[in-house]
Amino acid sequence: QRWLMLFYLSLLNLLSDWAGLSVAPIATLTSRAYNADADDVTDDIYHTNNGSQEQSPSSSPSYLIQPEALVTTFLIASSLGTALEPLILSRLGLRRTILLGAFCNMLGSLVKSGGLPPISFLSLPSLSHGLRGTYALYSGFFFVGFAQPLFQCTPSLLSASWFPEEERTLATSIALNANQLGVGCAFIVGALWVQNPSQVSNYFSLLSVLSVAAYVGCV
């Protein structure tokens, strides 16, 4: 049971860094996707498939989405979560603190992806593009950033509470190193998967599905 708990904590650590840096390798595509309406994204696909370098009007420099601002939002929320984590941990205890972090991480992923697009009745298409998409994306990154310290600051406590002394170093290092795997996933998966603006929402949907699975597993 303790190894299963460590698995889910490590998965949450992986997902938090993955989600937080998910726009880093696809910054331009994200800006175009969330500053466009559905027709503009369709035009982008057409031009990409036909080898044209012409850009749609939505590709102008005045983007609603600034990837640097998304990362800044994530870091500000993470700093806030770090400041509040000792208080939350003392009030809720280890399990409920991790559950709260998993819920916020799931909520942030769902908000920025517009629900679960693969499941039609759980999708919110209005959050995919334009101004609402902008608010959803920034809000999603804030929730994910706030959630991060709630499980990234707890691996040592989990290992001290559930693992014998000879296994504590291994357990702590596994959970902490999952962060670096998340960074790698953000750059590798994002760069290989997302080739045009229309694929950004599907990429965020993948993170939503994984975040829901992690939360359900923790519960």
N, C-alpha and C. Protein backbone atom coordinates (compact mmCIF):
# COMPACT_ATOMS: atom_id res chain seq x y z
N GLN A 1 0.82 -1.20 0.00
CA GLN A 1 0.00 0.00 0.00
C GLN A 1 0.86 1.27 0.00
N ARG A 2 1.97 1.25 0.73
CA ARG A 2 2.81 2.44 0.79
C ARG A 2 3.44 2.75 -0.56
N TRP A 3 3.75 1.71 -1.34
CA TRP A 3 4.32 1.94 -2.66
C TRP A 3 3.27 2.49 -3.63
N LEU A 4 2.03 2.08 -3.45
CA LEU A 4 0.96 2.64 -4.27
C LEU A 4 0.76 4.12 -3.96
N MET A 5 0.82 4.47 -2.67
CA MET A 5 0.72 5.87 -2.29
C MET A 5 1.87 6.68 -2.87
N LEU A 6 3.06 6.09 -2.84
CA LEU A 6 4.22 6.78 -3.41
C LEU A 6 4.06 6.95 -4.92
N PHE A 7 3.46 5.96 -5.57
CA PHE A 7 3.23 6.06 -7.02
C PHE A 7 2.35 7.25 -7.36
N TYR A 8 1.24 7.39 -6.64
CA TYR A 8 0.32 8.49 -6.94
C TYR A 8 0.92 9.84 -6.59
N LEU A 9 1.68 9.91 -5.51
CA LEU A 9 2.35 11.16 -5.17
C LEU A 9 3.37 11.52 -6.25
N SER A 10 4.10 10.53 -6.74
CA SER A 10 5.07 10.77 -7.81
C SER A 10 4.37 11.18 -9.10
N LEU A 11 3.22 10.56 -9.39
CA LEU A 11 2.46 10.93 -10.58
C LEU A 11 1.98 12.37 -10.49
N LEU A 12 1.54 12.79 -9.33
CA LEU A 12 1.11 14.18 -9.15
C LEU A 12 2.27 15.14 -9.34
N ASN A 13 3.44 14.78 -8.81
CA ASN A 13 4.62 15.62 -9.00
C ASN A 13 4.99 15.73 -10.48
N LEU A 14 4.91 14.61 -11.17
CA LEU A 14 5.20 14.61 -12.61
C LEU A 14 4.22 15.50 -13.37
N LEU A 15 2.93 15.35 -13.07
CA LEU A 15 1.91 16.10 -13.79
C LEU A 15 1.98 17.60 -13.52
N SER A 16 2.36 17.98 -12.31
CA SER A 16 2.39 19.40 -11.99
C SER A 16 3.44 20.13 -12.81
N ASP A 17 4.64 19.57 -12.92
CA ASP A 17 5.68 20.20 -13.74
C ASP A 17 5.35 20.10 -15.21
N TRP A 18 4.76 19.00 -15.62
CA TRP A 18 4.37 18.83 -17.02
C TRP A 18 3.35 19.89 -17.40
N ALA A 19 2.31 20.06 -16.56
CA ALA A 19 1.28 21.04 -16.86
C ALA A 19 1.82 22.46 -16.79
N GLY A 20 2.68 22.72 -15.80
CA GLY A 20 3.20 24.07 -15.65
C GLY A 20 4.08 24.52 -16.79
N LEU A 21 4.79 23.59 -17.41
CA LEU A 21 5.69 23.92 -18.52
C LEU A 21 5.14 23.45 -19.86
N SER A 22 3.87 23.08 -19.90
CA SER A 22 3.31 22.50 -21.12
C SER A 22 3.34 23.44 -22.31
N VAL A 23 3.29 24.76 -22.05
CA VAL A 23 3.29 25.71 -23.17
C VAL A 23 4.69 26.13 -23.60
N ALA A 24 5.70 25.74 -22.84
CA ALA A 24 7.07 26.21 -23.13
C ALA A 24 7.54 25.86 -24.54
N PRO A 25 7.41 24.61 -24.98
CA PRO A 25 7.90 24.29 -26.34
C PRO A 25 6.92 24.62 -27.45
N ILE A 26 5.71 25.05 -27.09
CA ILE A 26 4.68 25.33 -28.11
C ILE A 26 4.09 26.72 -27.88
N ALA A 27 4.92 27.67 -27.49
CA ALA A 27 4.44 28.99 -27.10
C ALA A 27 3.69 29.69 -28.23
N THR A 28 4.27 29.70 -29.42
CA THR A 28 3.65 30.40 -30.54
C THR A 28 2.33 29.74 -30.94
N LEU A 29 2.31 28.42 -30.99
CA LEU A 29 1.09 27.71 -31.36
C LEU A 29 -0.02 27.93 -30.34
N THR A 30 0.35 27.99 -29.07
CA THR A 30 -0.65 28.24 -28.03
C THR A 30 -1.24 29.64 -28.18
N SER A 31 -0.39 30.62 -28.45
CA SER A 31 -0.87 31.98 -28.64
C SER A 31 -1.84 32.06 -29.80
N ARG A 32 -1.51 31.42 -30.91
CA ARG A 32 -2.38 31.44 -32.08
C ARG A 32 -3.68 30.69 -31.83
N ALA A 33 -3.61 29.59 -31.10
CA ALA A 33 -4.81 28.78 -30.86
C ALA A 33 -5.82 29.53 -30.00
N TYR A 34 -5.34 30.20 -28.96
CA TYR A 34 -6.26 30.84 -28.02
C TYR A 34 -6.58 32.28 -28.40
N ASN A 35 -5.95 32.80 -29.45
CA ASN A 35 -6.30 34.13 -29.93
C ASN A 35 -7.16 34.04 -31.19
N ALA A 36 -7.51 32.81 -31.58
CA ALA A 36 -8.25 32.59 -32.82
C ALA A 36 -9.64 32.07 -32.53
N ASP A 37 -10.51 32.24 -33.52
CA ASP A 37 -11.79 31.54 -33.44
C ASP A 37 -11.65 30.25 -34.23
N ALA A 38 -12.70 29.45 -34.27
CA ALA A 38 -12.61 28.12 -34.89
C ALA A 38 -12.25 28.21 -36.36
N ASP A 39 -12.76 29.23 -37.07
CA ASP A 39 -12.46 29.35 -38.49
C ASP A 39 -11.00 29.65 -38.73
N ASP A 40 -10.40 30.48 -37.87
CA ASP A 40 -8.99 30.81 -38.04
C ASP A 40 -8.12 29.58 -37.83
N VAL A 41 -8.48 28.75 -36.84
CA VAL A 41 -7.71 27.54 -36.60
C VAL A 41 -7.83 26.60 -37.80
N THR A 42 -9.03 26.52 -38.38
CA THR A 42 -9.21 25.70 -39.58
C THR A 42 -8.34 26.21 -40.72
N ASP A 43 -8.25 27.54 -40.86
CA ASP A 43 -7.39 28.12 -41.89
C ASP A 43 -5.93 27.76 -41.65
N ASP A 44 -5.51 27.74 -40.37
CA ASP A 44 -4.14 27.36 -40.07
C ASP A 44 -3.85 25.95 -40.52
N ILE A 45 -4.82 25.03 -40.27
CA ILE A 45 -4.63 23.64 -40.70
C ILE A 45 -4.51 23.58 -42.23
N TYR A 46 -5.37 24.34 -42.94
CA TYR A 46 -5.35 24.34 -44.40
C TYR A 46 -4.00 24.81 -44.92
N HIS A 47 -3.50 25.91 -44.37
CA HIS A 47 -2.23 26.44 -44.85
C HIS A 47 -1.08 25.49 -44.52
N THR A 48 -1.15 24.84 -43.35
CA THR A 48 -0.10 23.90 -42.98
C THR A 48 -0.09 22.71 -43.91
N ASN A 49 -1.27 22.17 -44.21
CA ASN A 49 -1.36 20.99 -45.07
C ASN A 49 -0.95 21.29 -46.50
N ASN A 50 -1.13 22.54 -46.94
CA ASN A 50 -0.80 22.89 -48.31
C ASN A 50 0.56 23.56 -48.45
N GLY A 51 1.32 23.54 -47.38
CA GLY A 51 2.67 24.06 -47.45
C GLY A 51 2.75 25.56 -47.61
N SER A 52 1.67 26.27 -47.34
CA SER A 52 1.66 27.73 -47.49
C SER A 52 2.22 28.39 -46.26
N GLN A 53 2.96 29.49 -46.45
CA GLN A 53 3.51 30.22 -45.33
C GLN A 53 2.59 31.38 -44.92
N GLU A 54 1.48 31.56 -45.63
CA GLU A 54 0.56 32.65 -45.32
C GLU A 54 -0.09 32.40 -43.97
N GLN A 55 -0.21 33.47 -43.17
CA GLN A 55 -0.82 33.34 -41.86
C GLN A 55 -2.18 34.00 -41.86
N SER A 56 -3.05 33.48 -41.02
CA SER A 56 -4.38 34.05 -40.90
C SER A 56 -4.29 35.35 -40.13
N PRO A 57 -5.35 36.17 -40.18
CA PRO A 57 -5.32 37.43 -39.47
C PRO A 57 -5.10 37.30 -37.98
N SER A 58 -5.47 36.17 -37.39
CA SER A 58 -5.30 35.99 -35.96
C SER A 58 -3.85 35.83 -35.56
N SER A 59 -2.92 35.74 -36.55
CA SER A 59 -1.53 35.54 -36.24
C SER A 59 -0.81 36.86 -36.00
N SER A 60 -1.54 37.93 -35.82
CA SER A 60 -0.93 39.22 -35.58
C SER A 60 -0.22 39.22 -34.24
N PRO A 61 0.73 40.16 -34.00
CA PRO A 61 1.51 40.14 -32.78
C PRO A 61 0.70 40.40 -31.52
N SER A 62 -0.50 40.98 -31.61
CA SER A 62 -1.26 41.35 -30.41
C SER A 62 -2.04 40.15 -29.88
N TYR A 63 -1.31 39.22 -29.28
CA TYR A 63 -1.93 38.01 -28.77
C TYR A 63 -2.58 38.27 -27.41
N LEU A 64 -3.72 37.61 -27.17
CA LEU A 64 -4.32 37.64 -25.86
C LEU A 64 -3.53 36.78 -24.88
N ILE A 65 -2.92 35.72 -25.40
CA ILE A 65 -2.16 34.80 -24.57
C ILE A 65 -0.67 35.10 -24.70
N GLN A 66 -0.02 35.32 -23.58
CA GLN A 66 1.42 35.50 -23.53
C GLN A 66 2.00 34.33 -22.73
N PRO A 67 2.70 33.39 -23.37
CA PRO A 67 3.21 32.23 -22.65
C PRO A 67 4.06 32.59 -21.43
N GLU A 68 4.82 33.70 -21.52
CA GLU A 68 5.63 34.10 -20.37
C GLU A 68 4.72 34.44 -19.19
N ALA A 69 3.58 35.09 -19.49
CA ALA A 69 2.64 35.45 -18.43
C ALA A 69 1.99 34.21 -17.82
N LEU A 70 1.78 33.17 -18.65
CA LEU A 70 1.22 31.92 -18.13
C LEU A 70 2.17 31.29 -17.12
N VAL A 71 3.45 31.26 -17.47
CA VAL A 71 4.45 30.69 -16.57
C VAL A 71 4.56 31.54 -15.31
N THR A 72 4.50 32.88 -15.47
CA THR A 72 4.54 33.77 -14.31
C THR A 72 3.34 33.53 -13.40
N THR A 73 2.16 33.35 -14.00
CA THR A 73 0.96 33.04 -13.21
C THR A 73 1.14 31.74 -12.44
N PHE A 74 1.70 30.74 -13.10
CA PHE A 74 1.96 29.46 -12.46
C PHE A 74 2.91 29.62 -11.27
N LEU A 75 3.98 30.39 -11.44
CA LEU A 75 4.97 30.56 -10.39
C LEU A 75 4.43 31.38 -9.22
N ILE A 76 3.64 32.41 -9.52
CA ILE A 76 3.03 33.21 -8.45
C ILE A 76 2.09 32.33 -7.61
N ALA A 77 1.26 31.54 -8.29
CA ALA A 77 0.35 30.65 -7.57
C ALA A 77 1.12 29.61 -6.77
N SER A 78 2.23 29.11 -7.33
CA SER A 78 3.06 28.14 -6.62
C SER A 78 3.68 28.76 -5.37
N SER A 79 4.10 30.01 -5.47
CA SER A 79 4.66 30.70 -4.30
C SER A 79 3.60 30.87 -3.22
N LEU A 80 2.38 31.20 -3.64
CA LEU A 80 1.28 31.34 -2.68
C LEU A 80 0.98 30.00 -2.01
N GLY A 81 0.96 28.94 -2.81
CA GLY A 81 0.73 27.61 -2.25
C GLY A 81 1.82 27.18 -1.30
N THR A 82 3.08 27.54 -1.62
CA THR A 82 4.20 27.21 -0.75
C THR A 82 4.08 27.91 0.60
N ALA A 83 3.65 29.18 0.56
CA ALA A 83 3.49 29.93 1.80
C ALA A 83 2.38 29.36 2.68
N LEU A 84 1.33 28.85 2.04
CA LEU A 84 0.18 28.34 2.79
C LEU A 84 0.28 26.85 3.12
N GLU A 85 1.22 26.16 2.48
CA GLU A 85 1.30 24.70 2.65
C GLU A 85 1.48 24.26 4.10
N PRO A 86 2.36 24.89 4.90
CA PRO A 86 2.48 24.43 6.30
C PRO A 86 1.17 24.58 7.08
N LEU A 87 0.45 25.68 6.84
CA LEU A 87 -0.84 25.88 7.52
C LEU A 87 -1.86 24.84 7.08
N ILE A 88 -1.93 24.61 5.77
CA ILE A 88 -2.88 23.62 5.24
C ILE A 88 -2.56 22.23 5.78
N LEU A 89 -1.26 21.90 5.79
CA LEU A 89 -0.83 20.57 6.25
C LEU A 89 -1.17 20.39 7.73
N SER A 90 -0.97 21.43 8.53
CA SER A 90 -1.26 21.32 9.97
C SER A 90 -2.76 21.19 10.24
N ARG A 91 -3.57 21.78 9.37
CA ARG A 91 -5.02 21.73 9.57
C ARG A 91 -5.65 20.46 9.00
N LEU A 92 -5.17 20.04 7.83
CA LEU A 92 -5.82 18.93 7.13
C LEU A 92 -5.11 17.59 7.31
N GLY A 93 -3.85 17.60 7.63
CA GLY A 93 -3.10 16.36 7.68
C GLY A 93 -2.56 15.98 6.32
N LEU A 94 -1.72 14.95 6.27
CA LEU A 94 -1.02 14.59 5.05
C LEU A 94 -1.97 14.15 3.94
N ARG A 95 -2.85 13.21 4.23
CA ARG A 95 -3.71 12.65 3.19
C ARG A 95 -4.62 13.70 2.55
N ARG A 96 -5.29 14.47 3.38
CA ARG A 96 -6.23 15.45 2.84
C ARG A 96 -5.52 16.60 2.15
N THR A 97 -4.29 16.90 2.58
CA THR A 97 -3.50 17.93 1.88
C THR A 97 -3.17 17.47 0.47
N ILE A 98 -2.75 16.21 0.33
CA ILE A 98 -2.44 15.68 -0.99
C ILE A 98 -3.70 15.60 -1.84
N LEU A 99 -4.81 15.21 -1.23
CA LEU A 99 -6.08 15.16 -1.96
C LEU A 99 -6.49 16.55 -2.44
N LEU A 100 -6.31 17.57 -1.60
CA LEU A 100 -6.63 18.93 -2.01
C LEU A 100 -5.74 19.35 -3.18
N GLY A 101 -4.46 19.02 -3.11
CA GLY A 101 -3.56 19.35 -4.21
C GLY A 101 -3.94 18.62 -5.49
N ALA A 102 -4.30 17.34 -5.36
CA ALA A 102 -4.72 16.58 -6.54
C ALA A 102 -5.99 17.15 -7.14
N PHE A 103 -6.92 17.60 -6.29
CA PHE A 103 -8.17 18.19 -6.79
C PHE A 103 -7.90 19.51 -7.52
N CYS A 104 -7.08 20.37 -6.92
CA CYS A 104 -6.75 21.65 -7.57
C CYS A 104 -6.02 21.43 -8.88
N ASN A 105 -5.14 20.44 -8.91
CA ASN A 105 -4.42 20.12 -10.15
C ASN A 105 -5.39 19.64 -11.22
N MET A 106 -6.32 18.78 -10.83
CA MET A 106 -7.33 18.30 -11.77
C MET A 106 -8.23 19.43 -12.24
N LEU A 107 -8.66 20.28 -11.31
CA LEU A 107 -9.53 21.40 -11.66
C LEU A 107 -8.84 22.34 -12.64
N GLY A 108 -7.57 22.66 -12.37
CA GLY A 108 -6.84 23.54 -13.27
C GLY A 108 -6.69 22.96 -14.66
N SER A 109 -6.41 21.68 -14.74
CA SER A 109 -6.26 21.03 -16.05
C SER A 109 -7.58 21.01 -16.81
N LEU A 110 -8.68 20.75 -16.09
CA LEU A 110 -9.99 20.72 -16.74
C LEU A 110 -10.40 22.11 -17.23
N VAL A 111 -10.13 23.13 -16.43
CA VAL A 111 -10.52 24.49 -16.80
C VAL A 111 -9.76 24.93 -18.05
N LYS A 112 -8.46 24.69 -18.09
CA LYS A 112 -7.68 25.20 -19.23
C LYS A 112 -7.89 24.38 -20.49
N SER A 113 -8.41 23.16 -20.36
CA SER A 113 -8.67 22.38 -21.57
C SER A 113 -10.13 22.47 -22.01
N GLY A 114 -10.97 23.11 -21.19
CA GLY A 114 -12.39 23.21 -21.54
C GLY A 114 -13.15 21.95 -21.23
N GLY A 115 -12.80 21.28 -20.13
CA GLY A 115 -13.46 20.04 -19.76
C GLY A 115 -12.71 18.84 -20.28
N LEU A 116 -13.43 17.84 -20.70
CA LEU A 116 -12.83 16.64 -21.29
C LEU A 116 -13.35 16.50 -22.72
N PRO A 117 -12.73 17.18 -23.70
CA PRO A 117 -13.23 17.16 -25.07
C PRO A 117 -13.48 15.78 -25.66
N PRO A 118 -12.71 14.72 -25.29
CA PRO A 118 -13.06 13.42 -25.86
C PRO A 118 -14.45 12.94 -25.45
N ILE A 119 -14.98 13.48 -24.33
CA ILE A 119 -16.31 13.11 -23.86
C ILE A 119 -17.22 14.30 -24.10
N SER A 120 -18.09 14.22 -25.07
CA SER A 120 -18.82 15.38 -25.56
C SER A 120 -19.61 16.11 -24.47
N PHE A 121 -20.30 15.36 -23.59
CA PHE A 121 -21.15 16.03 -22.60
C PHE A 121 -20.33 16.62 -21.45
N LEU A 122 -19.04 16.35 -21.41
CA LEU A 122 -18.17 16.95 -20.41
C LEU A 122 -17.27 18.01 -21.01
N SER A 123 -17.61 18.51 -22.20
CA SER A 123 -16.79 19.49 -22.89
C SER A 123 -17.44 20.86 -22.84
N LEU A 124 -16.60 21.88 -22.85
CA LEU A 124 -17.05 23.26 -22.88
C LEU A 124 -16.35 23.96 -24.04
N PRO A 125 -16.89 23.85 -25.27
CA PRO A 125 -16.22 24.40 -26.44
C PRO A 125 -15.95 25.89 -26.34
N SER A 126 -16.77 26.64 -25.58
CA SER A 126 -16.57 28.09 -25.47
C SER A 126 -15.27 28.43 -24.78
N LEU A 127 -14.66 27.47 -24.08
CA LEU A 127 -13.39 27.72 -23.41
C LEU A 127 -12.20 27.38 -24.28
N SER A 128 -12.43 27.02 -25.52
CA SER A 128 -11.33 26.59 -26.37
C SER A 128 -10.60 27.73 -27.06
N HIS A 129 -11.31 28.83 -27.36
CA HIS A 129 -10.71 29.91 -28.13
C HIS A 129 -11.18 31.27 -27.62
N GLY A 130 -10.53 32.30 -28.07
CA GLY A 130 -10.97 33.66 -27.82
C GLY A 130 -10.81 34.10 -26.37
N LEU A 131 -11.60 35.11 -25.98
CA LEU A 131 -11.44 35.74 -24.68
C LEU A 131 -11.72 34.77 -23.54
N ARG A 132 -12.78 33.96 -23.66
CA ARG A 132 -13.07 32.99 -22.60
C ARG A 132 -11.95 31.97 -22.48
N GLY A 133 -11.39 31.60 -23.60
CA GLY A 133 -10.25 30.68 -23.56
C GLY A 133 -9.06 31.30 -22.84
N THR A 134 -8.89 32.61 -22.99
CA THR A 134 -7.81 33.30 -22.31
C THR A 134 -8.00 33.23 -20.80
N TYR A 135 -9.20 33.59 -20.32
CA TYR A 135 -9.47 33.53 -18.89
C TYR A 135 -9.32 32.10 -18.36
N ALA A 136 -9.82 31.14 -19.13
CA ALA A 136 -9.74 29.74 -18.70
C ALA A 136 -8.29 29.29 -18.59
N LEU A 137 -7.47 29.69 -19.55
CA LEU A 137 -6.08 29.24 -19.55
C LEU A 137 -5.32 29.81 -18.36
N TYR A 138 -5.48 31.11 -18.12
CA TYR A 138 -4.80 31.72 -16.98
C TYR A 138 -5.31 31.15 -15.66
N SER A 139 -6.61 30.96 -15.55
CA SER A 139 -7.18 30.38 -14.33
C SER A 139 -6.66 28.96 -14.11
N GLY A 140 -6.61 28.19 -15.19
CA GLY A 140 -6.12 26.82 -15.09
C GLY A 140 -4.69 26.76 -14.61
N PHE A 141 -3.84 27.63 -15.16
CA PHE A 141 -2.44 27.64 -14.73
C PHE A 141 -2.31 28.08 -13.27
N PHE A 142 -3.20 28.96 -12.83
CA PHE A 142 -3.16 29.39 -11.43
C PHE A 142 -3.48 28.22 -10.51
N PHE A 143 -4.54 27.47 -10.80
CA PHE A 143 -4.92 26.33 -9.96
C PHE A 143 -3.82 25.27 -9.94
N VAL A 144 -3.24 25.00 -11.10
CA VAL A 144 -2.17 23.99 -11.16
C VAL A 144 -0.96 24.46 -10.36
N GLY A 145 -0.63 25.75 -10.46
CA GLY A 145 0.50 26.28 -9.70
C GLY A 145 0.26 26.25 -8.21
N PHE A 146 -0.95 26.59 -7.79
CA PHE A 146 -1.27 26.56 -6.37
C PHE A 146 -1.20 25.14 -5.81
N ALA A 147 -1.59 24.17 -6.62
CA ALA A 147 -1.61 22.77 -6.17
C ALA A 147 -0.21 22.20 -5.99
N GLN A 148 0.73 22.69 -6.77
CA GLN A 148 2.06 22.06 -6.82
C GLN A 148 2.71 21.86 -5.45
N PRO A 149 2.81 22.88 -4.59
CA PRO A 149 3.50 22.67 -3.31
C PRO A 149 2.77 21.71 -2.37
N LEU A 150 1.48 21.49 -2.59
CA LEU A 150 0.72 20.65 -1.68
C LEU A 150 1.13 19.19 -1.78
N PHE A 151 1.76 18.82 -2.88
CA PHE A 151 2.33 17.47 -2.93
C PHE A 151 3.83 17.45 -3.21
N GLN A 152 4.40 18.56 -3.67
CA GLN A 152 5.85 18.58 -3.89
C GLN A 152 6.61 18.83 -2.60
N CYS A 153 5.95 19.36 -1.59
CA CYS A 153 6.61 19.61 -0.30
C CYS A 153 6.38 18.49 0.71
N THR A 154 5.71 17.42 0.28
CA THR A 154 5.32 16.38 1.23
C THR A 154 6.01 15.01 1.06
N PRO A 155 6.88 14.78 0.04
CA PRO A 155 7.47 13.44 -0.08
C PRO A 155 8.23 12.98 1.14
N SER A 156 8.98 13.87 1.79
CA SER A 156 9.76 13.46 2.97
C SER A 156 8.84 13.06 4.11
N LEU A 157 7.71 13.77 4.25
CA LEU A 157 6.75 13.42 5.31
C LEU A 157 6.09 12.08 5.02
N LEU A 158 5.77 11.84 3.75
CA LEU A 158 5.19 10.54 3.39
C LEU A 158 6.16 9.41 3.67
N SER A 159 7.41 9.58 3.27
CA SER A 159 8.41 8.52 3.48
C SER A 159 8.66 8.30 4.97
N ALA A 160 8.67 9.39 5.76
CA ALA A 160 8.90 9.24 7.20
C ALA A 160 7.72 8.56 7.90
N SER A 161 6.52 8.76 7.36
CA SER A 161 5.32 8.20 8.00
C SER A 161 5.04 6.77 7.60
N TRP A 162 5.40 6.37 6.37
CA TRP A 162 4.96 5.10 5.84
C TRP A 162 6.07 4.12 5.48
N PHE A 163 7.30 4.58 5.46
CA PHE A 163 8.39 3.71 5.03
C PHE A 163 9.37 3.47 6.17
N PRO A 164 9.93 2.24 6.24
CA PRO A 164 10.98 1.98 7.23
C PRO A 164 12.22 2.81 6.91
N GLU A 165 13.08 2.96 7.88
CA GLU A 165 14.22 3.87 7.76
C GLU A 165 15.10 3.55 6.56
N GLU A 166 15.29 2.28 6.25
CA GLU A 166 16.18 1.90 5.15
C GLU A 166 15.58 2.20 3.78
N GLU A 167 14.28 2.49 3.70
CA GLU A 167 13.63 2.78 2.42
C GLU A 167 13.28 4.26 2.23
N ARG A 168 13.50 5.07 3.25
CA ARG A 168 13.04 6.45 3.20
C ARG A 168 13.78 7.28 2.15
N THR A 169 15.07 7.11 2.04
CA THR A 169 15.84 7.87 1.05
C THR A 169 15.38 7.54 -0.36
N LEU A 170 15.18 6.25 -0.61
CA LEU A 170 14.72 5.82 -1.93
C LEU A 170 13.34 6.38 -2.23
N ALA A 171 12.43 6.29 -1.28
CA ALA A 171 11.05 6.77 -1.50
C ALA A 171 11.03 8.27 -1.77
N THR A 172 11.80 9.02 -0.99
CA THR A 172 11.82 10.47 -1.17
C THR A 172 12.41 10.85 -2.52
N SER A 173 13.49 10.18 -2.91
CA SER A 173 14.14 10.51 -4.19
C SER A 173 13.25 10.17 -5.37
N ILE A 174 12.48 9.08 -5.28
CA ILE A 174 11.57 8.73 -6.37
C ILE A 174 10.54 9.83 -6.58
N ALA A 175 9.92 10.27 -5.49
CA ALA A 175 8.89 11.30 -5.59
C ALA A 175 9.46 12.63 -6.10
N LEU A 176 10.64 13.00 -5.63
CA LEU A 176 11.24 14.27 -6.04
C LEU A 176 11.72 14.23 -7.48
N ASN A 177 12.29 13.11 -7.90
CA ASN A 177 12.79 13.00 -9.28
C ASN A 177 11.68 12.93 -10.31
N ALA A 178 10.46 12.62 -9.85
CA ALA A 178 9.33 12.63 -10.76
C ALA A 178 9.10 14.03 -11.34
N ASN A 179 9.52 15.07 -10.59
CA ASN A 179 9.41 16.43 -11.11
C ASN A 179 10.19 16.58 -12.41
N GLN A 180 11.39 16.05 -12.42
CA GLN A 180 12.24 16.18 -13.61
C GLN A 180 11.68 15.38 -14.78
N LEU A 181 11.05 14.26 -14.50
CA LEU A 181 10.37 13.52 -15.57
C LEU A 181 9.25 14.35 -16.16
N GLY A 182 8.56 15.11 -15.31
CA GLY A 182 7.50 15.98 -15.79
C GLY A 182 8.02 17.07 -16.71
N VAL A 183 9.17 17.64 -16.38
CA VAL A 183 9.79 18.64 -17.25
C VAL A 183 10.13 18.03 -18.60
N GLY A 184 10.70 16.82 -18.57
CA GLY A 184 11.03 16.14 -19.81
C GLY A 184 9.80 15.85 -20.66
N CYS A 185 8.72 15.41 -20.02
CA CYS A 185 7.48 15.13 -20.75
C CYS A 185 6.93 16.40 -21.40
N ALA A 186 7.02 17.53 -20.69
CA ALA A 186 6.50 18.78 -21.23
C ALA A 186 7.19 19.15 -22.53
N PHE A 187 8.50 18.98 -22.59
CA PHE A 187 9.24 19.37 -23.78
C PHE A 187 9.21 18.31 -24.88
N ILE A 188 9.25 17.05 -24.50
CA ILE A 188 9.28 15.98 -25.51
C ILE A 188 7.89 15.76 -26.10
N VAL A 189 6.90 15.51 -25.25
CA VAL A 189 5.55 15.22 -25.74
C VAL A 189 4.97 16.43 -26.45
N GLY A 190 5.11 17.61 -25.84
CA GLY A 190 4.57 18.82 -26.46
C GLY A 190 5.16 19.10 -27.83
N ALA A 191 6.48 18.99 -27.93
CA ALA A 191 7.15 19.30 -29.20
C ALA A 191 6.82 18.28 -30.28
N LEU A 192 6.66 17.01 -29.90
CA LEU A 192 6.40 15.97 -30.89
C LEU A 192 4.93 15.90 -31.29
N TRP A 193 4.04 16.19 -30.35
CA TRP A 193 2.61 16.03 -30.62
C TRP A 193 2.02 17.25 -31.31
N VAL A 194 2.26 18.43 -30.77
CA VAL A 194 1.57 19.64 -31.23
C VAL A 194 2.32 20.24 -32.41
N GLN A 195 1.71 20.14 -33.59
CA GLN A 195 2.31 20.67 -34.81
C GLN A 195 1.53 21.84 -35.40
N ASN A 196 0.29 22.06 -34.96
CA ASN A 196 -0.50 23.21 -35.40
C ASN A 196 -1.45 23.61 -34.28
N PRO A 197 -2.01 24.83 -34.33
CA PRO A 197 -2.83 25.33 -33.22
C PRO A 197 -4.02 24.46 -32.86
N SER A 198 -4.59 23.74 -33.82
CA SER A 198 -5.78 22.93 -33.53
C SER A 198 -5.47 21.76 -32.60
N GLN A 199 -4.19 21.40 -32.45
CA GLN A 199 -3.83 20.27 -31.61
C GLN A 199 -3.56 20.65 -30.16
N VAL A 200 -3.54 21.95 -29.88
CA VAL A 200 -3.23 22.40 -28.52
C VAL A 200 -4.30 21.93 -27.54
N SER A 201 -5.57 22.08 -27.89
CA SER A 201 -6.64 21.68 -26.98
C SER A 201 -6.62 20.17 -26.72
N ASN A 202 -6.28 19.38 -27.75
CA ASN A 202 -6.18 17.93 -27.55
C ASN A 202 -5.03 17.58 -26.60
N TYR A 203 -3.94 18.33 -26.72
CA TYR A 203 -2.80 18.13 -25.83
C TYR A 203 -3.18 18.43 -24.38
N PHE A 204 -3.89 19.54 -24.17
CA PHE A 204 -4.34 19.87 -22.83
C PHE A 204 -5.36 18.86 -22.32
N SER A 205 -6.11 18.27 -23.24
CA SER A 205 -7.08 17.24 -22.84
C SER A 205 -6.38 16.01 -22.29
N LEU A 206 -5.23 15.67 -22.88
CA LEU A 206 -4.45 14.54 -22.37
C LEU A 206 -4.06 14.79 -20.91
N LEU A 207 -3.61 16.01 -20.61
CA LEU A 207 -3.24 16.34 -19.24
C LEU A 207 -4.46 16.28 -18.32
N SER A 208 -5.62 16.66 -18.85
CA SER A 208 -6.84 16.58 -18.05
C SER A 208 -7.18 15.14 -17.69
N VAL A 209 -7.11 14.26 -18.67
CA VAL A 209 -7.42 12.84 -18.43
C VAL A 209 -6.46 12.26 -17.39
N LEU A 210 -5.18 12.56 -17.52
CA LEU A 210 -4.19 12.05 -16.57
C LEU A 210 -4.42 12.63 -15.17
N SER A 211 -4.80 13.90 -15.11
CA SER A 211 -5.04 14.54 -13.81
C SER A 211 -6.28 13.96 -13.14
N VAL A 212 -7.32 13.70 -13.91
CA VAL A 212 -8.52 13.06 -13.35
C VAL A 212 -8.17 11.66 -12.82
N ALA A 213 -7.39 10.91 -13.59
CA ALA A 213 -7.00 9.56 -13.18
C ALA A 213 -6.18 9.61 -11.89
N ALA A 214 -5.28 10.60 -11.79
CA ALA A 214 -4.46 10.73 -10.58
C ALA A 214 -5.32 11.07 -9.36
N TYR A 215 -6.29 11.94 -9.54
CA TYR A 215 -7.17 12.31 -8.42
C TYR A 215 -8.02 11.12 -7.98
N VAL A 216 -8.61 10.43 -8.94
CA VAL A 216 -9.44 9.27 -8.62
C VAL A 216 -8.60 8.21 -7.91
N GLY A 217 -7.36 8.02 -8.36
CA GLY A 217 -6.48 7.06 -7.70
C GLY A 217 -6.16 7.46 -6.27
N CYS A 218 -5.96 8.74 -6.04
CA CYS A 218 -5.67 9.22 -4.68
C CYS A 218 -6.86 9.04 -3.75
N VAL A 219 -8.05 9.28 -4.30
CA VAL A 219 -9.26 9.12 -3.48
C VAL A 219 -9.47 7.67 -3.07
